[in-house]
């Protein structure tokens, strides 16, 4: 996310509603959600986390499992990020991973369970 991203202002509330209010993913093992300000100096600016995790568009949704980024399942396509049905399926799939890994490489993940 970034504070200047208009698409982020659509995607973020949708994700929060799905996770916090509708409890999507709870039946599959549960998930946590954190927004990261990608251009923040604290995160290394645009050459920091985005470069580390191959993020080349904002917003991007990236899951972590056992502190490993699930690169293969990251979502950056805006149409998918704005789709409640797509995000519901994605969140349920990622929640069901429950420590099983398998979606991406080992980059020394930033967020874990």
Protein backbone atom coordinates (compact mmCIF):
# COMPACT_ATOMS: atom_id res chain seq x y z
CA UNK A 1 0.00 0.00 0.00
CA UNK A 2 0.90 3.65 -0.22
CA UNK A 3 -0.95 6.64 1.16
CA UNK A 4 -1.27 8.18 -2.31
CA UNK A 5 -2.73 5.07 -4.00
CA UNK A 6 -6.41 5.53 -4.89
CA UNK A 7 -6.87 1.81 -5.65
CA UNK A 8 -5.53 0.94 -2.21
CA UNK A 9 -8.38 2.98 -0.73
CA UNK A 10 -10.79 0.55 -2.42
CA UNK A 11 -8.93 -2.70 -1.79
CA UNK A 12 -8.02 -2.13 1.87
CA UNK A 13 -11.59 -1.71 3.20
CA UNK A 14 -12.73 -4.73 1.18
CA UNK A 15 -10.00 -6.91 2.68
CA UNK A 16 -10.72 -5.65 6.18
CA UNK A 17 -14.41 -6.41 5.79
CA UNK A 18 -13.74 -9.92 4.49
CA UNK A 19 -11.22 -10.75 7.21
CA UNK A 20 -12.52 -8.90 10.27
CA UNK A 21 -16.27 -8.72 9.73
CA UNK A 22 -17.09 -11.72 7.54
CA UNK A 23 -14.35 -13.91 9.08
CA UNK A 24 -13.26 -15.28 5.70
CA UNK A 25 -10.54 -17.85 6.25
CA UNK A 26 -11.47 -18.65 9.85
CA UNK A 27 -12.87 -22.05 8.90
CA UNK A 28 -9.67 -22.91 7.05
CA UNK A 29 -7.26 -22.01 9.83
CA UNK A 30 -7.40 -18.23 10.14
CA UNK A 31 -5.30 -15.41 8.78
CA UNK A 32 -3.86 -12.08 9.84
CA UNK A 33 -3.70 -8.93 7.76
CA UNK A 34 -1.12 -6.17 7.83
CA UNK A 35 -0.81 -3.17 5.56
CA UNK A 36 2.70 -2.09 4.69
CA UNK A 37 3.43 1.44 3.50
CA UNK A 38 5.73 0.45 0.65
CA UNK A 39 7.35 3.83 0.04
CA UNK A 40 8.02 4.50 3.73
CA UNK A 41 11.68 5.21 4.55
CA UNK A 42 11.29 2.76 7.46
CA UNK A 43 10.66 -0.02 4.92
CA UNK A 44 13.59 0.93 2.73
CA UNK A 45 11.57 3.03 0.31
CA UNK A 46 10.75 1.69 -3.13
CA UNK A 47 14.09 -0.13 -3.29
CA UNK A 48 13.48 -1.98 0.00
CA UNK A 49 10.57 -4.36 0.46
CA UNK A 50 9.16 -4.02 -3.06
CA UNK A 51 12.49 -5.04 -4.54
CA UNK A 52 12.99 -7.81 -1.99
CA UNK A 53 9.62 -9.44 -2.70
CA UNK A 54 9.27 -8.66 -6.40
CA UNK A 55 6.46 -6.17 -5.94
CA UNK A 56 6.21 -3.97 -8.99
CA UNK A 57 2.69 -2.60 -8.64
CA UNK A 58 0.64 -1.06 -5.87
CA UNK A 59 -1.50 -2.48 -4.38
CA UNK A 60 -0.16 -6.02 -4.15
CA UNK A 61 -1.43 -8.76 -1.87
CA UNK A 62 1.27 -11.13 -0.63
CA UNK A 63 0.77 -13.97 1.83
CA UNK A 64 3.41 -15.25 4.22
CA UNK A 65 3.48 -18.75 5.67
CA UNK A 66 6.00 -19.65 8.35
CA UNK A 67 7.74 -16.36 7.55
CA UNK A 68 8.13 -17.34 3.88
CA UNK A 69 6.59 -15.11 1.21
CA UNK A 70 4.21 -17.04 -1.00
CA UNK A 71 5.43 -15.42 -4.22
CA UNK A 72 3.56 -17.82 -6.51
CA UNK A 73 0.19 -16.73 -5.10
CA UNK A 74 0.76 -12.97 -4.84
CA UNK A 75 -2.00 -10.86 -6.34
CA UNK A 76 -1.31 -7.60 -8.16
CA UNK A 77 -4.01 -7.59 -10.85
CA UNK A 78 -6.35 -4.74 -9.90
CA UNK A 79 -9.47 -6.48 -11.21
CA UNK A 80 -8.76 -9.43 -8.88
CA UNK A 81 -7.99 -7.16 -5.92
CA UNK A 82 -11.34 -5.40 -6.32
CA UNK A 83 -13.32 -8.65 -6.66
CA UNK A 84 -14.96 -9.85 -3.45
CA UNK A 85 -15.43 -13.35 -4.90
CA UNK A 86 -11.79 -13.62 -6.00
CA UNK A 87 -10.45 -12.33 -2.68
CA UNK A 88 -12.70 -14.68 -0.72
CA UNK A 89 -11.33 -17.70 -2.61
CA UNK A 90 -7.74 -16.41 -2.28
CA UNK A 91 -8.06 -15.79 1.46
CA UNK A 92 -9.61 -19.22 2.07
CA UNK A 93 -6.85 -20.91 0.06
CA UNK A 94 -4.08 -19.06 1.88
CA UNK A 95 -5.69 -19.71 5.29
CA UNK A 96 -5.90 -23.42 4.49
CA UNK A 97 -2.12 -23.50 3.87
CA UNK A 98 -1.74 -23.39 7.70
CA UNK A 99 2.01 -23.80 7.85
CA UNK A 100 2.28 -25.98 4.77
CA UNK A 101 4.27 -23.48 2.69
CA UNK A 102 4.57 -24.31 -0.96
CA UNK A 103 3.70 -21.01 -2.61
CA UNK A 104 7.05 -19.33 -3.01
CA UNK A 105 10.68 -19.01 -2.25
CA UNK A 106 12.69 -18.40 0.83
CA UNK A 107 13.50 -14.73 1.13
CA UNK A 108 13.77 -14.61 4.90
CA UNK A 109 10.15 -13.46 5.28
CA UNK A 110 9.08 -10.33 7.05
CA UNK A 111 5.75 -11.38 8.55
CA UNK A 112 4.94 -14.71 10.10
CA UNK A 113 2.15 -16.29 12.06
